[in-house]
C-alpha atoms as a PDB file:
ATOM      1  CA  MET A   1     -78.910 -25.591 -42.347  1.00  0.00           C
ATOM      2  CA  ARG A   2     -80.342 -29.179 -43.410  1.00  0.00           C
ATOM      3  CA  ARG A   3     -77.648 -31.711 -43.039  1.00  0.00           C
ATOM      4  CA  ARG A   4     -76.664 -32.355 -46.338  1.00  0.00           C
ATOM      5  CA  PHE A   5     -76.262 -28.791 -47.317  1.00  0.00           C
ATOM      6  CA  LEU A   6     -74.487 -28.184 -44.631  1.00  0.00           C
ATOM      7  CA  SER A   7     -72.114 -31.258 -45.805  1.00  0.00           C
ATOM      8  CA  LEU A   8     -71.380 -29.815 -48.838  1.00  0.00           C
ATOM      9  CA  ALA A   9     -70.410 -26.607 -47.076  1.00  0.00           C
ATOM     10  CA  VAL A  10     -67.925 -28.246 -45.197  1.00  0.00           C
ATOM     11  CA  ALA A  11     -66.675 -30.419 -47.880  1.00  0.00           C
ATOM     12  CA  CYS A  12     -66.299 -26.660 -49.799  1.00  0.00           C
ATOM     13  CA  TRP A  13     -64.288 -25.713 -46.940  1.00  0.00           C
ATOM     14  CA  LEU A  14     -61.663 -28.826 -47.118  1.00  0.00           C
ATOM     15  CA  LEU A  15     -61.036 -27.742 -50.611  1.00  0.00           C
ATOM     16  CA  GLN A  16     -60.289 -24.252 -48.920  1.00  0.00           C
ATOM     17  CA  LEU A  17     -58.317 -26.107 -46.870  1.00  0.00           C
ATOM     18  CA  ALA A  18     -56.648 -27.952 -49.250  1.00  0.00           C
ATOM     19  CA  CYS A  19     -55.380 -24.964 -51.433  1.00  0.00           C
ATOM     20  CA  ALA A  20     -54.167 -23.119 -47.908  1.00  0.00           C
ATOM     21  CA  VAL A  21     -51.885 -26.103 -47.611  1.00  0.00           C
ATOM     22  CA  THR A  22     -50.522 -26.635 -51.124  1.00  0.00           C
ATOM     23  CA  LEU A  23     -49.631 -22.748 -51.094  1.00  0.00           C
ATOM     24  CA  GLY A  24     -48.363 -22.863 -47.954  1.00  0.00           C
ATOM     25  CA  ALA A  25     -46.268 -25.698 -49.427  1.00  0.00           C
ATOM     26  CA  GLY A  26     -45.605 -23.692 -52.714  1.00  0.00           C
ATOM     27  CA  ARG A  27     -44.615 -20.643 -50.682  1.00  0.00           C
ATOM     28  CA  GLN A  28     -42.311 -22.071 -48.304  1.00  0.00           C
ATOM     29  CA  LEU A  29     -40.520 -24.312 -50.973  1.00  0.00           C
ATOM     30  CA  VAL A  30     -40.467 -21.766 -54.242  1.00  0.00           C
ATOM     31  CA  LEU A  31     -41.325 -18.665 -53.476  1.00  0.00           C
ATOM     32  CA  ALA A  32     -39.942 -17.254 -50.268  1.00  0.00           C
ATOM     33  CA  PRO A  33     -36.171 -18.759 -51.787  1.00  0.00           C
ATOM     34  CA  LEU A  34     -36.918 -16.117 -54.725  1.00  0.00           C
ATOM     35  CA  ILE A  35     -38.714 -12.729 -52.974  1.00  0.00           C
ATOM     36  CA  GLY A  36     -38.731 -13.469 -49.170  1.00  0.00           C
ATOM     37  CA  ASP A  37     -40.354 -14.557 -46.175  1.00  0.00           C
ATOM     38  CA  MET A  38     -43.146 -11.495 -45.670  1.00  0.00           C
ATOM     39  CA  ALA A  39     -43.419 -11.037 -49.469  1.00  0.00           C
ATOM     40  CA  ALA A  40     -43.820 -14.787 -50.125  1.00  0.00           C
ATOM     41  CA  ARG A  41     -46.925 -14.695 -47.441  1.00  0.00           C
ATOM     42  CA  ALA A  42     -48.514 -11.544 -48.738  1.00  0.00           C
ATOM     43  CA  ALA A  43     -48.280 -13.084 -52.096  1.00  0.00           C
ATOM     44  CA  GLY A  44     -49.672 -16.346 -50.655  1.00  0.00           C
ATOM     45  CA  THR A  45     -52.185 -14.818 -48.795  1.00  0.00           C
ATOM     46  CA  LEU A  46     -53.491 -12.684 -51.298  1.00  0.00           C
ATOM     47  CA  THR A  47     -53.780 -15.712 -53.837  1.00  0.00           C
ATOM     48  CA  LEU A  48     -55.393 -17.939 -51.158  1.00  0.00           C
ATOM     49  CA  CYS A  49     -58.186 -14.981 -50.800  1.00  0.00           C
ATOM     50  CA  LEU A  50     -58.687 -15.143 -54.471  1.00  0.00           C
ATOM     51  CA  ALA A  51     -59.384 -19.232 -54.529  1.00  0.00           C
ATOM     52  CA  ILE A  52     -61.562 -18.832 -51.232  1.00  0.00           C
ATOM     53  CA  ILE A  53     -63.515 -16.217 -53.417  1.00  0.00           C
ATOM     54  CA  LEU A  54     -63.804 -18.202 -56.539  1.00  0.00           C
ATOM     55  CA  LEU A  55     -64.624 -21.341 -55.003  1.00  0.00           C
ATOM     56  CA  ALA A  56     -67.246 -20.077 -52.627  1.00  0.00           C
ATOM     57  CA  ARG A  57     -68.557 -18.222 -56.139  1.00  0.00           C
ATOM     58  CA  ARG A  58     -68.868 -21.987 -57.640  1.00  0.00           C
ATOM     59  CA  PHE A  59     -70.506 -23.261 -54.456  1.00  0.00           C
ATOM     60  CA  VAL A  60     -73.373 -20.658 -54.302  1.00  0.00           C
ATOM     61  CA  ASP A  61     -73.929 -20.783 -58.068  1.00  0.00           C
ATOM     62  CA  ARG A  62     -74.309 -24.699 -58.098  1.00  0.00           C
ATOM     63  CA  HIS A  63     -76.150 -24.902 -54.676  1.00  0.00           C
ATOM     64  CA  ARG A  64     -77.973 -21.512 -54.333  1.00  0.00           C
ATOM     65  CA  PRO A  65     -78.752 -20.859 -50.695  1.00  0.00           C
ATOM     66  CA  SER A  66     -80.552 -18.271 -49.451  1.00  0.00           C
ATOM     67  CA  PRO A  67     -78.894 -15.504 -48.119  1.00  0.00           C
ATOM     68  CA  ALA A  68     -79.277 -16.219 -44.750  1.00  0.00           C
ATOM     69  CA  ALA A  69     -77.832 -19.984 -45.200  1.00  0.00           C
ATOM     70  CA  ARG A  70     -75.464 -18.403 -47.347  1.00  0.00           C
ATOM     71  CA  LEU A  71     -74.036 -15.816 -43.955  1.00  0.00           C
ATOM     72  CA  GLY A  72     -74.150 -19.383 -41.893  1.00  0.00           C
ATOM     73  CA  VAL A  73     -72.005 -20.481 -44.863  1.00  0.00           C
ATOM     74  CA  GLY A  74     -69.684 -17.985 -44.288  1.00  0.00           C
ATOM     75  CA  VAL A  75     -69.953 -17.931 -39.979  1.00  0.00           C
ATOM     76  CA  LEU A  76     -69.235 -21.456 -40.400  1.00  0.00           C
ATOM     77  CA  TRP A  77     -65.873 -21.610 -42.701  1.00  0.00           C
ATOM     78  CA  CYS A  78     -64.666 -18.289 -41.253  1.00  0.00           C
ATOM     79  CA  ALA A  79     -65.385 -20.320 -37.397  1.00  0.00           C
ATOM     80  CA  LEU A  80     -63.557 -23.741 -39.274  1.00  0.00           C
ATOM     81  CA  THR A  81     -60.526 -21.415 -40.465  1.00  0.00           C
ATOM     82  CA  LEU A  82     -59.976 -19.844 -37.007  1.00  0.00           C
ATOM     83  CA  ALA A  83     -60.419 -23.080 -35.236  1.00  0.00           C
ATOM     84  CA  PHE A  84     -58.035 -24.725 -37.374  1.00  0.00           C
ATOM     85  CA  GLU A  85     -55.322 -21.994 -37.265  1.00  0.00           C
ATOM     86  CA  PHE A  86     -54.866 -22.104 -33.894  1.00  0.00           C
ATOM     87  CA  LEU A  87     -55.791 -25.441 -32.793  1.00  0.00           C
ATOM     88  CA  ALA A  88     -54.043 -26.814 -35.376  1.00  0.00           C
ATOM     89  CA  GLY A  89     -51.173 -24.345 -35.732  1.00  0.00           C
ATOM     90  CA  HIS A  90     -50.538 -24.729 -32.251  1.00  0.00           C
ATOM     91  CA  TYR A  91     -51.246 -28.644 -30.884  1.00  0.00           C
ATOM     92  CA  LEU A  92     -50.424 -29.981 -33.994  1.00  0.00           C
ATOM     93  CA  PHE A  93     -47.671 -28.352 -35.630  1.00  0.00           C
ATOM     94  CA  GLY A  94     -45.860 -26.631 -32.528  1.00  0.00           C
ATOM     95  CA  THR A  95     -46.123 -23.127 -33.615  1.00  0.00           C
ATOM     96  CA  SER A  96     -46.085 -20.898 -30.565  1.00  0.00           C
ATOM     97  CA  TRP A  97     -48.970 -18.232 -29.251  1.00  0.00           C
ATOM     98  CA  GLU A  98     -47.002 -15.729 -29.956  1.00  0.00           C
ATOM     99  CA  VAL A  99     -46.183 -16.720 -33.498  1.00  0.00           C
ATOM    100  CA  LEU A 100     -49.960 -17.641 -34.664  1.00  0.00           C
ATOM    101  CA  TRP A 101     -50.877 -13.721 -32.795  1.00  0.00           C
ATOM    102  CA  ALA A 102     -48.044 -12.180 -34.825  1.00  0.00           C
ATOM    103  CA  ASP A 103     -49.958 -13.108 -37.557  1.00  0.00           C
ATOM    104  CA  TRP A 104     -52.601 -10.776 -37.095  1.00  0.00           C
ATOM    105  CA  ASN A 105     -50.490  -7.585 -36.549  1.00  0.00           C
ATOM    106  CA  MET A 106     -51.596  -5.927 -40.118  1.00  0.00           C
ATOM    107  CA  ALA A 107     -49.439  -2.629 -38.822  1.00  0.00           C
ATOM    108  CA  GLN A 108     -46.225  -5.021 -39.707  1.00  0.00           C
ATOM    109  CA  GLY A 109     -47.351  -6.262 -43.384  1.00  0.00           C
ATOM    110  CA  HIS A 110     -48.835  -9.358 -42.114  1.00  0.00           C
ATOM    111  CA  LEU A 111     -52.188  -9.929 -44.364  1.00  0.00           C
ATOM    112  CA  TRP A 112     -53.772 -13.294 -42.348  1.00  0.00           C
ATOM    113  CA  PRO A 113     -56.548 -10.838 -41.094  1.00  0.00           C
ATOM    114  CA  LEU A 114     -57.723 -11.223 -45.031  1.00  0.00           C
ATOM    115  CA  VAL A 115     -57.847 -14.826 -44.732  1.00  0.00           C
ATOM    116  CA  PRO A 116     -60.960 -15.229 -42.476  1.00  0.00           C
ATOM    117  CA  ALA A 117     -62.472 -12.175 -43.674  1.00  0.00           C
ATOM    118  CA  ALA A 118     -62.628 -13.930 -47.181  1.00  0.00           C
ATOM    119  CA  THR A 119     -64.129 -16.944 -45.585  1.00  0.00           C
ATOM    120  CA  LEU A 120     -66.524 -14.986 -43.841  1.00  0.00           C
ATOM    121  CA  LEU A 121     -68.096 -12.947 -46.461  1.00  0.00           C
ATOM    122  CA  ALA A 122     -67.108 -14.738 -50.093  1.00  0.00           C
ATOM    123  CA  PRO A 123     -70.277 -16.528 -49.777  1.00  0.00           C
ATOM    124  CA  LEU A 124     -72.938 -13.256 -49.435  1.00  0.00           C
ATOM    125  CA  PRO A 125     -74.545 -12.077 -52.006  1.00  0.00           C
ATOM    126  CA  ALA A 126     -72.819  -9.569 -53.995  1.00  0.00           C
ATOM    127  CA  PRO A 127     -74.155  -5.890 -54.182  1.00  0.00           C
ATOM    128  CA  PRO A 128     -75.913  -4.890 -57.057  1.00  0.00           C
ATOM    129  CA  ALA A 129     -74.073  -3.512 -59.875  1.00  0.00           C
ATOM    130  CA  PRO A 130     -74.710   0.291 -60.694  1.00  0.00           C
ATOM    131  CA  ARG A 131     -77.635   1.174 -62.649  1.00  0.00           C
ATOM    132  CA  ALA A 132     -76.054   3.104 -65.766  1.00  0.00           C
ATOM    133  CA  ALA A 133     -77.804   6.839 -66.186  1.00  0.00           C
ATOM    134  CA  ALA A 134     -80.486   7.381 -68.616  1.00  0.00           C
ATOM    135  CA  GLY A 135     -79.360   7.484 -72.152  1.00  0.00           C
ATOM    136  CA  ARG A 136     -76.066   5.426 -71.825  1.00  0.00           C
ATOM    137  CA  PRO A 137     -75.855   2.391 -72.339  1.00  0.00           C
END
């Protein structure tokens, strides 16, 4: 990836990070007291995934990267997300490794794995829409 494009991709990821921090604060301060922690986490995760997808679409529409560059952006965003979650989560915010790993347990209702999946997949080209059958609009 070219340096400018890489800088723009990192800037877009920083916007995703800002969304995550803002949504996380809103979840803790407003939503969790109203609907409980697990429901608030689920709502926050799904909202963040939507924000990531919207930011990725805007980025792709604006910069028109090749399919290979889109894959590179997705891998970059996913790596940055995982690095931030684990390294900042543990060393900056003091979250235990056990708590960080517990967020990966979808069997217990944790939806966190959807976030790195969204960062990885959102920049990729969408599959083509199905074609209408002959004689149908």
